[in-house]
C-alpha atoms as a PDB file:
ATOM      1  CA  MET A   1      -7.512  28.837 -26.447  1.00  0.00           C
ATOM      2  CA  TYR A   2      -6.723  27.600 -22.795  1.00  0.00           C
ATOM      3  CA  ARG A   3      -8.377  24.142 -23.777  1.00  0.00           C
ATOM      4  CA  LEU A   4      -5.501  23.781 -26.373  1.00  0.00           C
ATOM      5  CA  PHE A   5      -3.459  23.267 -23.380  1.00  0.00           C
ATOM      6  CA  ILE A   6      -5.694  20.841 -21.845  1.00  0.00           C
ATOM      7  CA  LEU A   7      -5.734  18.585 -25.045  1.00  0.00           C
ATOM      8  CA  PRO A   8      -2.477  16.919 -24.469  1.00  0.00           C
ATOM      9  CA  THR A   9      -2.936  15.931 -21.119  1.00  0.00           C
ATOM     10  CA  MET A  10      -6.280  14.488 -22.010  1.00  0.00           C
ATOM     11  CA  ILE A  11      -5.150  12.481 -25.377  1.00  0.00           C
ATOM     12  CA  ILE A  12      -2.813  10.685 -22.833  1.00  0.00           C
ATOM     13  CA  ASN A  13      -5.363  10.255 -19.974  1.00  0.00           C
ATOM     14  CA  ILE A  14      -7.810   8.395 -22.439  1.00  0.00           C
ATOM     15  CA  ALA A  15      -4.862   6.513 -24.405  1.00  0.00           C
ATOM     16  CA  VAL A  16      -2.991   5.342 -21.179  1.00  0.00           C
ATOM     17  CA  ILE A  17      -6.022   5.127 -18.594  1.00  0.00           C
ATOM     18  CA  SER A  18      -9.370   5.306 -19.966  1.00  0.00           C
ATOM     19  CA  ILE A  19      -9.017   2.775 -23.294  1.00  0.00           C
ATOM     20  CA  PRO A  20      -7.216   0.008 -21.497  1.00  0.00           C
ATOM     21  CA  ALA A  21      -9.427   0.345 -18.363  1.00  0.00           C
ATOM     22  CA  ILE A  22     -12.828  -0.025 -20.305  1.00  0.00           C
ATOM     23  CA  LEU A  23     -10.871  -2.832 -22.441  1.00  0.00           C
ATOM     24  CA  THR A  24     -10.171  -4.762 -19.180  1.00  0.00           C
ATOM     25  CA  ILE A  25     -14.031  -4.471 -18.545  1.00  0.00           C
ATOM     26  CA  ILE A  26     -15.201  -5.827 -21.763  1.00  0.00           C
ATOM     27  CA  LEU A  27     -12.387  -8.360 -21.510  1.00  0.00           C
ATOM     28  CA  ALA A  28     -13.689  -9.669 -17.976  1.00  0.00           C
ATOM     29  CA  PHE A  29     -16.858 -11.249 -20.066  1.00  0.00           C
ATOM     30  CA  TYR A  30     -14.561 -13.012 -22.593  1.00  0.00           C
ATOM     31  CA  ARG A  31     -12.571 -16.252 -22.330  1.00  0.00           C
ATOM     32  CA  TRP A  32      -9.090 -15.191 -24.207  1.00  0.00           C
ATOM     33  CA  ASP A  33      -5.713 -16.546 -24.369  1.00  0.00           C
ATOM     34  CA  GLY A  34      -4.131 -13.707 -25.792  1.00  0.00           C
ATOM     35  CA  ILE A  35      -3.413 -15.282 -29.221  1.00  0.00           C
ATOM     36  CA  SER A  36      -6.930 -16.337 -30.585  1.00  0.00           C
ATOM     37  CA  ASP A  37      -9.837 -14.999 -30.658  1.00  0.00           C
ATOM     38  CA  PRO A  38     -12.000 -13.849 -27.859  1.00  0.00           C
ATOM     39  CA  VAL A  39     -15.051 -15.910 -26.755  1.00  0.00           C
ATOM     40  CA  PHE A  40     -17.438 -14.376 -25.022  1.00  0.00           C
ATOM     41  CA  ILE A  41     -18.867 -16.410 -22.053  1.00  0.00           C
ATOM     42  CA  GLY A  42     -20.864 -13.861 -19.527  1.00  0.00           C
ATOM     43  CA  LEU A  43     -20.307 -14.081 -15.909  1.00  0.00           C
ATOM     44  CA  GLU A  44     -18.405 -17.181 -16.158  1.00  0.00           C
ATOM     45  CA  ASN A  45     -14.996 -15.813 -14.732  1.00  0.00           C
ATOM     46  CA  PHE A  46     -16.774 -14.233 -11.798  1.00  0.00           C
ATOM     47  CA  GLU A  47     -18.417 -17.144 -11.567  1.00  0.00           C
ATOM     48  CA  ARG A  48     -15.078 -19.161 -11.370  1.00  0.00           C
ATOM     49  CA  LEU A  49     -13.422 -16.366  -9.391  1.00  0.00           C
ATOM     50  CA  TRP A  50     -15.996 -16.974  -6.563  1.00  0.00           C
ATOM     51  CA  ASN A  51     -15.356 -20.771  -6.227  1.00  0.00           C
ATOM     52  CA  ASP A  52     -11.726 -20.144  -6.706  1.00  0.00           C
ATOM     53  CA  ARG A  53      -9.857 -21.005  -3.204  1.00  0.00           C
ATOM     54  CA  ILE A  54      -7.016 -18.809  -4.332  1.00  0.00           C
ATOM     55  CA  PHE A  55      -8.787 -16.016  -5.085  1.00  0.00           C
ATOM     56  CA  TRP A  56     -10.512 -15.841  -1.675  1.00  0.00           C
ATOM     57  CA  LYS A  57      -6.895 -16.530  -0.181  1.00  0.00           C
ATOM     58  CA  ALA A  58      -5.706 -13.664  -1.942  1.00  0.00           C
ATOM     59  CA  LEU A  59      -8.734 -11.346  -1.135  1.00  0.00           C
ATOM     60  CA  ARG A  60      -7.772 -12.157   2.616  1.00  0.00           C
ATOM     61  CA  ASN A  61      -4.221 -11.173   2.450  1.00  0.00           C
ATOM     62  CA  ASN A  62      -5.485  -8.175   0.848  1.00  0.00           C
ATOM     63  CA  LEU A  63      -7.325  -7.352   3.810  1.00  0.00           C
ATOM     64  CA  ILE A  64      -5.024  -8.158   6.168  1.00  0.00           C
ATOM     65  CA  TRP A  65      -2.357  -6.200   4.347  1.00  0.00           C
ATOM     66  CA  THR A  66      -4.614  -3.242   4.626  1.00  0.00           C
ATOM     67  CA  ALA A  67      -5.049  -3.880   8.333  1.00  0.00           C
ATOM     68  CA  LEU A  68      -1.468  -3.462   9.002  1.00  0.00           C
ATOM     69  CA  PHE A  69      -0.547  -0.753   6.879  1.00  0.00           C
ATOM     70  CA  LEU A  70      -3.706   1.152   8.632  1.00  0.00           C
ATOM     71  CA  THR A  71      -2.055   0.877  11.828  1.00  0.00           C
ATOM     72  CA  PHE A  72       1.383   0.223  12.252  1.00  0.00           C
ATOM     73  CA  PRO A  73       2.699   3.199   9.535  1.00  0.00           C
ATOM     74  CA  ILE A  74       0.255   5.794  10.477  1.00  0.00           C
ATOM     75  CA  ILE A  75       1.207   4.856  14.527  1.00  0.00           C
ATOM     76  CA  ILE A  76       4.676   5.246  14.090  1.00  0.00           C
ATOM     77  CA  GLY A  77       4.391   8.520  11.586  1.00  0.00           C
ATOM     78  CA  LEU A  78       2.435  10.143  14.020  1.00  0.00           C
ATOM     79  CA  VAL A  79       4.561   9.533  16.890  1.00  0.00           C
ATOM     80  CA  VAL A  80       7.921  10.157  15.066  1.00  0.00           C
ATOM     81  CA  ALA A  81       5.907  13.707  13.436  1.00  0.00           C
ATOM     82  CA  SER A  82       5.247  14.749  17.236  1.00  0.00           C
ATOM     83  CA  LEU A  83       9.031  14.328  18.022  1.00  0.00           C
ATOM     84  CA  LEU A  84       9.953  16.068  15.374  1.00  0.00           C
ATOM     85  CA  LEU A  85       7.957  19.210  16.533  1.00  0.00           C
ATOM     86  CA  THR A  86      10.202  19.065  19.327  1.00  0.00           C
ATOM     87  CA  VAL A  87      13.706  19.275  17.587  1.00  0.00           C
ATOM     88  CA  ARG A  88      14.767  22.704  17.208  1.00  0.00           C
ATOM     89  CA  ARG A  89      17.484  22.290  14.473  1.00  0.00           C
ATOM     90  CA  GLY A  90      17.828  19.276  12.045  1.00  0.00           C
ATOM     91  CA  SER A  91      14.651  18.534  11.707  1.00  0.00           C
ATOM     92  CA  THR A  92      15.185  18.460   7.955  1.00  0.00           C
ATOM     93  CA  PHE A  93      18.209  16.197   7.877  1.00  0.00           C
ATOM     94  CA  PHE A  94      15.744  13.927   9.977  1.00  0.00           C
ATOM     95  CA  GLN A  95      12.789  13.827   7.099  1.00  0.00           C
ATOM     96  CA  ILE A  96      15.513  13.072   4.537  1.00  0.00           C
ATOM     97  CA  ILE A  97      16.457   9.413   6.361  1.00  0.00           C
ATOM     98  CA  TYR A  98      13.201   8.982   6.528  1.00  0.00           C
ATOM     99  CA  LEU A  99      12.200   9.313   3.121  1.00  0.00           C
ATOM    100  CA  PHE A 100      15.505   7.686   2.176  1.00  0.00           C
ATOM    101  CA  PRO A 101      13.625   4.272   2.024  1.00  0.00           C
ATOM    102  CA  LEU A 102      10.689   5.502  -0.318  1.00  0.00           C
ATOM    103  CA  VAL A 103      13.354   6.652  -2.961  1.00  0.00           C
ATOM    104  CA  ILE A 104      15.206   3.606  -3.379  1.00  0.00           C
ATOM    105  CA  SER A 105      13.957   1.115  -5.601  1.00  0.00           C
ATOM    106  CA  ALA A 106      11.641  -1.654  -4.403  1.00  0.00           C
ATOM    107  CA  VAL A 107      12.949  -4.180  -6.371  1.00  0.00           C
ATOM    108  CA  ILE A 108      16.599  -3.535  -4.554  1.00  0.00           C
ATOM    109  CA  SER A 109      14.929  -3.215  -0.950  1.00  0.00           C
ATOM    110  CA  ALA A 110      13.211  -6.001  -1.222  1.00  0.00           C
ATOM    111  CA  ARG A 111      16.190  -8.139  -2.870  1.00  0.00           C
ATOM    112  CA  VAL A 112      18.635  -6.626   0.023  1.00  0.00           C
ATOM    113  CA  TRP A 113      16.160  -7.798   2.772  1.00  0.00           C
ATOM    114  CA  GLN A 114      15.948 -11.188   0.784  1.00  0.00           C
ATOM    115  CA  GLY A 115      20.181 -11.664   0.959  1.00  0.00           C
ATOM    116  CA  MET A 116      21.329  -9.423   3.875  1.00  0.00           C
ATOM    117  CA  ILE A 117      18.504  -9.841   6.313  1.00  0.00           C
ATOM    118  CA  TYR A 118      16.106 -12.840   5.703  1.00  0.00           C
ATOM    119  CA  ASN A 119      18.758 -15.097   4.343  1.00  0.00           C
ATOM    120  CA  PRO A 120      19.236 -18.047   6.758  1.00  0.00           C
ATOM    121  CA  GLN A 121      22.778 -18.544   5.360  1.00  0.00           C
ATOM    122  CA  SER A 122      24.451 -15.204   5.300  1.00  0.00           C
ATOM    123  CA  GLY A 123      21.651 -12.745   6.610  1.00  0.00           C
ATOM    124  CA  ILE A 124      21.199 -11.099   9.868  1.00  0.00           C
ATOM    125  CA  VAL A 125      18.680 -13.825  10.679  1.00  0.00           C
ATOM    126  CA  ALA A 126      21.823 -16.477  10.502  1.00  0.00           C
ATOM    127  CA  LEU A 127      23.780 -14.491  12.059  1.00  0.00           C
ATOM    128  CA  LEU A 128      21.597 -14.092  15.149  1.00  0.00           C
ATOM    129  CA  GLU A 129      20.968 -17.758  15.224  1.00  0.00           C
ATOM    130  CA  ARG A 130      24.803 -18.329  15.638  1.00  0.00           C
ATOM    131  CA  TYR A 131      24.264 -16.522  19.221  1.00  0.00           C
ATOM    132  CA  GLY A 132      21.355 -18.851  20.426  1.00  0.00           C
ATOM    133  CA  LEU A 133      18.526 -17.003  18.839  1.00  0.00           C
ATOM    134  CA  ASP A 134      16.162 -19.522  16.838  1.00  0.00           C
ATOM    135  CA  LEU A 135      15.046 -17.334  13.834  1.00  0.00           C
ATOM    136  CA  TYR A 136      14.137 -18.651  10.636  1.00  0.00           C
ATOM    137  CA  ASP A 137      13.419 -16.962   6.985  1.00  0.00           C
ATOM    138  CA  PRO A 138       9.793 -15.544   7.437  1.00  0.00           C
ATOM    139  CA  LEU A 139       9.465 -15.817   3.554  1.00  0.00           C
ATOM    140  CA  SER A 140       9.862 -19.861   3.639  1.00  0.00           C
ATOM    141  CA  ARG A 141       6.600 -20.391   5.958  1.00  0.00           C
ATOM    142  CA  THR A 142       3.266 -20.290   4.950  1.00  0.00           C
ATOM    143  CA  ALA A 143       2.060 -18.763   8.298  1.00  0.00           C
ATOM    144  CA  THR A 144       4.738 -15.649   8.031  1.00  0.00           C
ATOM    145  CA  ALA A 145       5.549 -15.136   4.261  1.00  0.00           C
ATOM    146  CA  LEU A 146       2.811 -12.498   4.185  1.00  0.00           C
ATOM    147  CA  TYR A 147       4.027 -10.947   7.276  1.00  0.00           C
ATOM    148  CA  GLY A 148       7.619 -11.114   6.171  1.00  0.00           C
ATOM    149  CA  VAL A 149       6.779  -9.545   2.933  1.00  0.00           C
ATOM    150  CA  ALA A 150       4.642  -6.447   4.739  1.00  0.00           C
ATOM    151  CA  VAL A 151       7.742  -5.868   7.321  1.00  0.00           C
ATOM    152  CA  VAL A 152       9.762  -4.768   4.015  1.00  0.00           C
ATOM    153  CA  ASP A 153       7.024  -2.713   2.830  1.00  0.00           C
ATOM    154  CA  LEU A 154       6.205  -1.252   6.100  1.00  0.00           C
ATOM    155  CA  TRP A 155       9.896  -0.142   6.658  1.00  0.00           C
ATOM    156  CA  HIS A 156       9.985   1.461   3.428  1.00  0.00           C
ATOM    157  CA  TRP A 157       6.449   3.157   3.727  1.00  0.00           C
ATOM    158  CA  TRP A 158       6.311   4.256   7.564  1.00  0.00           C
ATOM    159  CA  GLY A 159       8.843   7.022   7.009  1.00  0.00           C
ATOM    160  CA  PHE A 160       6.759   9.384   4.372  1.00  0.00           C
ATOM    161  CA  MET A 161       3.763   8.782   6.782  1.00  0.00           C
ATOM    162  CA  ALA A 162       5.670  10.597   9.191  1.00  0.00           C
ATOM    163  CA  VAL A 163       6.846  13.211   6.696  1.00  0.00           C
ATOM    164  CA  ILE A 164       3.206  13.993   5.929  1.00  0.00           C
ATOM    165  CA  PHE A 165       2.201  14.265   9.210  1.00  0.00           C
ATOM    166  CA  PHE A 166       4.846  16.190  10.518  1.00  0.00           C
ATOM    167  CA  ALA A 167       3.974  18.994   7.571  1.00  0.00           C
ATOM    168  CA  ALA A 168       0.695  19.047   8.896  1.00  0.00           C
ATOM    169  CA  LEU A 169       1.511  19.610  12.161  1.00  0.00           C
ATOM    170  CA  ARG A 170       3.288  22.374  11.771  1.00  0.00           C
ATOM    171  CA  GLN A 171      -0.028  23.688  10.360  1.00  0.00           C
ATOM    172  CA  VAL A 172      -1.277  23.215  14.007  1.00  0.00           C
ATOM    173  CA  PRO A 173      -1.496  27.157  15.581  1.00  0.00           C
ATOM    174  CA  GLN A 174       1.488  27.363  17.814  1.00  0.00           C
ATOM    175  CA  GLU A 175      -0.967  28.904  20.385  1.00  0.00           C
ATOM    176  CA  GLN A 176      -2.997  25.536  20.832  1.00  0.00           C
ATOM    177  CA  ILE A 177       0.321  23.982  21.415  1.00  0.00           C
ATOM    178  CA  GLU A 178       1.534  26.438  24.130  1.00  0.00           C
ATOM    179  CA  ALA A 179      -1.672  26.895  25.683  1.00  0.00           C
ATOM    180  CA  ALA A 180      -1.790  22.878  26.414  1.00  0.00           C
ATOM    181  CA  ARG A 181       1.769  23.327  27.299  1.00  0.00           C
ATOM    182  CA  LEU A 182       1.008  25.856  30.201  1.00  0.00           C
ATOM    183  CA  GLU A 183      -1.743  23.870  31.219  1.00  0.00           C
ATOM    184  CA  GLY A 184       0.736  20.928  31.978  1.00  0.00           C
ATOM    185  CA  ALA A 185      -0.649  18.512  29.682  1.00  0.00           C
ATOM    186  CA  THR A 186       1.207  15.123  29.044  1.00  0.00           C
ATOM    187  CA  TYR A 187       2.553  13.891  25.744  1.00  0.00           C
ATOM    188  CA  PHE A 188      -0.532  11.707  25.283  1.00  0.00           C
ATOM    189  CA  GLN A 189      -2.812  14.510  26.385  1.00  0.00           C
ATOM    190  CA  MET A 190      -1.302  16.684  23.971  1.00  0.00           C
ATOM    191  CA  MET A 191      -1.399  14.231  20.943  1.00  0.00           C
ATOM    192  CA  ARG A 192      -5.275  13.241  21.998  1.00  0.00           C
ATOM    193  CA  TRP A 193      -6.522  16.847  22.671  1.00  0.00           C
ATOM    194  CA  VAL A 194      -4.526  18.569  20.655  1.00  0.00           C
ATOM    195  CA  LEU A 195      -2.223  17.622  17.539  1.00  0.00           C
ATOM    196  CA  ILE A 196      -4.179  14.781  16.378  1.00  0.00           C
ATOM    197  CA  PRO A 197      -7.810  16.790  16.178  1.00  0.00           C
ATOM    198  CA  GLY A 198      -5.621  19.471  14.133  1.00  0.00           C
ATOM    199  CA  ILE A 199      -4.464  17.447  11.522  1.00  0.00           C
ATOM    200  CA  MET A 200      -7.289  14.891  11.358  1.00  0.00           C
ATOM    201  CA  PRO A 201      -8.597  15.548   7.569  1.00  0.00           C
ATOM    202  CA  THR A 202      -4.472  14.182   6.927  1.00  0.00           C
ATOM    203  CA  ILE A 203      -5.210  11.704   8.612  1.00  0.00           C
ATOM    204  CA  THR A 204      -8.462  10.519   7.259  1.00  0.00           C
ATOM    205  CA  LEU A 205      -6.728  11.276   3.443  1.00  0.00           C
ATOM    206  CA  MET A 206      -3.867   8.873   3.897  1.00  0.00           C
ATOM    207  CA  MET A 207      -5.676   6.481   5.489  1.00  0.00           C
ATOM    208  CA  ILE A 208      -8.403   6.425   2.375  1.00  0.00           C
ATOM    209  CA  MET A 209      -5.044   6.148   0.033  1.00  0.00           C
ATOM    210  CA  THR A 210      -3.992   3.715   1.937  1.00  0.00           C
ATOM    211  CA  VAL A 211      -6.578   1.201   1.260  1.00  0.00           C
ATOM    212  CA  ILE A 212      -6.353   2.066  -2.739  1.00  0.00           C
ATOM    213  CA  TRP A 213      -2.392   1.716  -2.522  1.00  0.00           C
ATOM    214  CA  SER A 214      -2.791  -1.592  -0.023  1.00  0.00           C
ATOM    215  CA  PHE A 215      -5.399  -3.167  -3.076  1.00  0.00           C
ATOM    216  CA  LEU A 216      -2.680  -2.419  -5.250  1.00  0.00           C
ATOM    217  CA  VAL A 217       0.528  -3.761  -3.908  1.00  0.00           C
ATOM    218  CA  PHE A 218       2.533  -5.992  -6.225  1.00  0.00           C
ATOM    219  CA  ASP A 219       6.245  -5.458  -6.312  1.00  0.00           C
ATOM    220  CA  PHE A 220       7.350  -6.139  -2.543  1.00  0.00           C
ATOM    221  CA  VAL A 221       5.618  -9.409  -3.109  1.00  0.00           C
ATOM    222  CA  TYR A 222       6.262 -10.639  -6.468  1.00  0.00           C
ATOM    223  CA  VAL A 223       9.881 -10.269  -6.083  1.00  0.00           C
ATOM    224  CA  MET A 224      10.108 -11.407  -2.725  1.00  0.00           C
ATOM    225  CA  THR A 225       8.017 -14.394  -2.518  1.00  0.00           C
ATOM    226  CA  GLN A 226       5.870 -14.430  -6.310  1.00  0.00           C
ATOM    227  CA  GLY A 227       2.453 -15.396  -3.811  1.00  0.00           C
ATOM    228  CA  GLY A 228       4.346 -18.290  -2.208  1.00  0.00           C
ATOM    229  CA  PRO A 229       4.774 -20.695  -0.710  1.00  0.00           C
ATOM    230  CA  ALA A 230       1.998 -22.650  -1.350  1.00  0.00           C
ATOM    231  CA  SER A 231      -0.289 -19.063  -2.428  1.00  0.00           C
ATOM    232  CA  SER A 232       0.076 -17.903   1.418  1.00  0.00           C
ATOM    233  CA  SER A 233       1.100 -14.551   0.121  1.00  0.00           C
ATOM    234  CA  GLU A 234      -0.427 -14.017  -3.019  1.00  0.00           C
ATOM    235  CA  VAL A 235      -2.499 -10.835  -3.588  1.00  0.00           C
ATOM    236  CA  LEU A 236      -4.883 -10.271  -5.923  1.00  0.00           C
ATOM    237  CA  SER A 237      -2.570  -7.978  -7.925  1.00  0.00           C
ATOM    238  CA  THR A 238      -0.082 -10.843  -8.540  1.00  0.00           C
ATOM    239  CA  MET A 239      -2.971 -13.537  -8.964  1.00  0.00           C
ATOM    240  CA  ALA A 240      -4.128 -11.290 -12.138  1.00  0.00           C
ATOM    241  CA  TYR A 241      -0.370 -10.858 -13.573  1.00  0.00           C
ATOM    242  CA  ARG A 242      -0.155 -14.993 -13.032  1.00  0.00           C
ATOM    243  CA  ARG A 243      -3.528 -15.462 -14.506  1.00  0.00           C
ATOM    244  CA  ALA A 244      -2.672 -13.351 -17.749  1.00  0.00           C
ATOM    245  CA  PHE A 245       0.800 -13.846 -18.313  1.00  0.00           C
ATOM    246  CA  TYR A 246       1.581 -17.828 -16.912  1.00  0.00           C
ATOM    247  CA  GLU A 247      -1.522 -19.182 -17.229  1.00  0.00           C
ATOM    248  CA  LEU A 248      -2.580 -16.872 -20.283  1.00  0.00           C
ATOM    249  CA  LYS A 249      -6.282 -16.518 -19.147  1.00  0.00           C
ATOM    250  CA  VAL A 250      -6.662 -12.901 -19.589  1.00  0.00           C
ATOM    251  CA  GLY A 251     -10.406 -12.935 -19.070  1.00  0.00           C
ATOM    252  CA  ASN A 252     -10.382 -13.936 -15.726  1.00  0.00           C
ATOM    253  CA  ALA A 253      -7.136 -11.889 -15.032  1.00  0.00           C
ATOM    254  CA  ALA A 254      -9.409  -8.992 -16.275  1.00  0.00           C
ATOM    255  CA  ALA A 255     -12.098 -10.049 -13.493  1.00  0.00           C
ATOM    256  CA  ILE A 256      -9.488  -9.856 -10.615  1.00  0.00           C
ATOM    257  CA  ALA A 257      -8.483  -6.667 -11.976  1.00  0.00           C
ATOM    258  CA  ILE A 258     -12.406  -5.233 -11.867  1.00  0.00           C
ATOM    259  CA  VAL A 259     -12.376  -6.730  -8.206  1.00  0.00           C
ATOM    260  CA  ILE A 260      -9.711  -4.754  -7.129  1.00  0.00           C
ATOM    261  CA  SER A 261     -10.839  -1.519  -8.702  1.00  0.00           C
ATOM    262  CA  LEU A 262     -14.192  -1.956  -6.707  1.00  0.00           C
ATOM    263  CA  PHE A 263     -12.599  -1.510  -3.442  1.00  0.00           C
ATOM    264  CA  GLY A 264     -10.484   1.251  -5.130  1.00  0.00           C
ATOM    265  CA  LEU A 265     -13.669   2.939  -6.257  1.00  0.00           C
ATOM    266  CA  VAL A 266     -15.404   2.261  -2.692  1.00  0.00           C
ATOM    267  CA  ALA A 267     -12.211   4.241  -0.972  1.00  0.00           C
ATOM    268  CA  THR A 268     -12.636   6.702  -3.666  1.00  0.00           C
ATOM    269  CA  PHE A 269     -16.332   7.578  -3.049  1.00  0.00           C
ATOM    270  CA  PHE A 270     -15.316   8.123   0.690  1.00  0.00           C
ATOM    271  CA  TYR A 271     -12.719  10.524  -0.555  1.00  0.00           C
ATOM    272  CA  LEU A 272     -14.766  12.677  -2.450  1.00  0.00           C
ATOM    273  CA  ARG A 273     -17.188  12.979   0.203  1.00  0.00           C
ATOM    274  CA  LEU A 274     -14.356  13.925   2.648  1.00  0.00           C
ATOM    275  CA  GLN A 275     -13.374  16.445   0.241  1.00  0.00           C
ATOM    276  CA  ARG A 276     -17.199  17.758  -0.518  1.00  0.00           C
ATOM    277  CA  GLY A 277     -17.572  17.830   3.592  1.00  0.00           C
ATOM    278  CA  GLU A 278     -14.372  20.327   3.884  1.00  0.00           C
ATOM    279  CA  GLY A 279     -15.596  22.329   1.293  1.00  0.00           C
ATOM    280  CA  GLU A 280     -18.848  23.203   2.657  1.00  0.00           C
END
């Protein structure tokens, strides 16, 4: 009888995830414009990706994005979470403030940063330039476009990390923390020898999930730059979207989607190994 309760979830999973995933794998070996009949071409889509300069640039940008999100939001989240431990009252208020950017729509956040901060005519950048600071819109230059978008997503994301780490830090035995304080441990010694080791499984899990999410990034990049200028902020997801819906190269887009999935599978493999290690 209990299997009947699982059946609706299985049907939704098969219809929304499994079938599209299988079709994506199949289409990666076809040439298809979404209208005419698909033509089997074997590994040609992957060969074209191998020789595609934009693909390698997008892959490099994804790796840079992953490196940024494996460092800054995790470090900031750990520091802020450790400081929250010292707050006697009002920690819930601070957690709400930190999570507030996450609950705002990504499209709204991106447009606000574009219009009110990065805008060289009416944004904060323009205001600071009036006071002699030589600033510019980072989204308008190939050298800084990717980092300009990443700053917005980092602002949107670090608060979530802080709340997750704070919840984990509250599970560290208070006896260990008090013993370290009585021994005269400094803040950095407390972090190095007590707090971070106490929540290492949580940190590892969030790092693995960050890798998966970094290769799925789409919304902020597409809304703010659409991969430009000159593909300088292109990532694999925006490239796949453009190939499928603008250039009508569905097979090529499916091949890119498989590459994205491979990185996710590698991260998932390490996650499962972590789960098995904790179970043992």
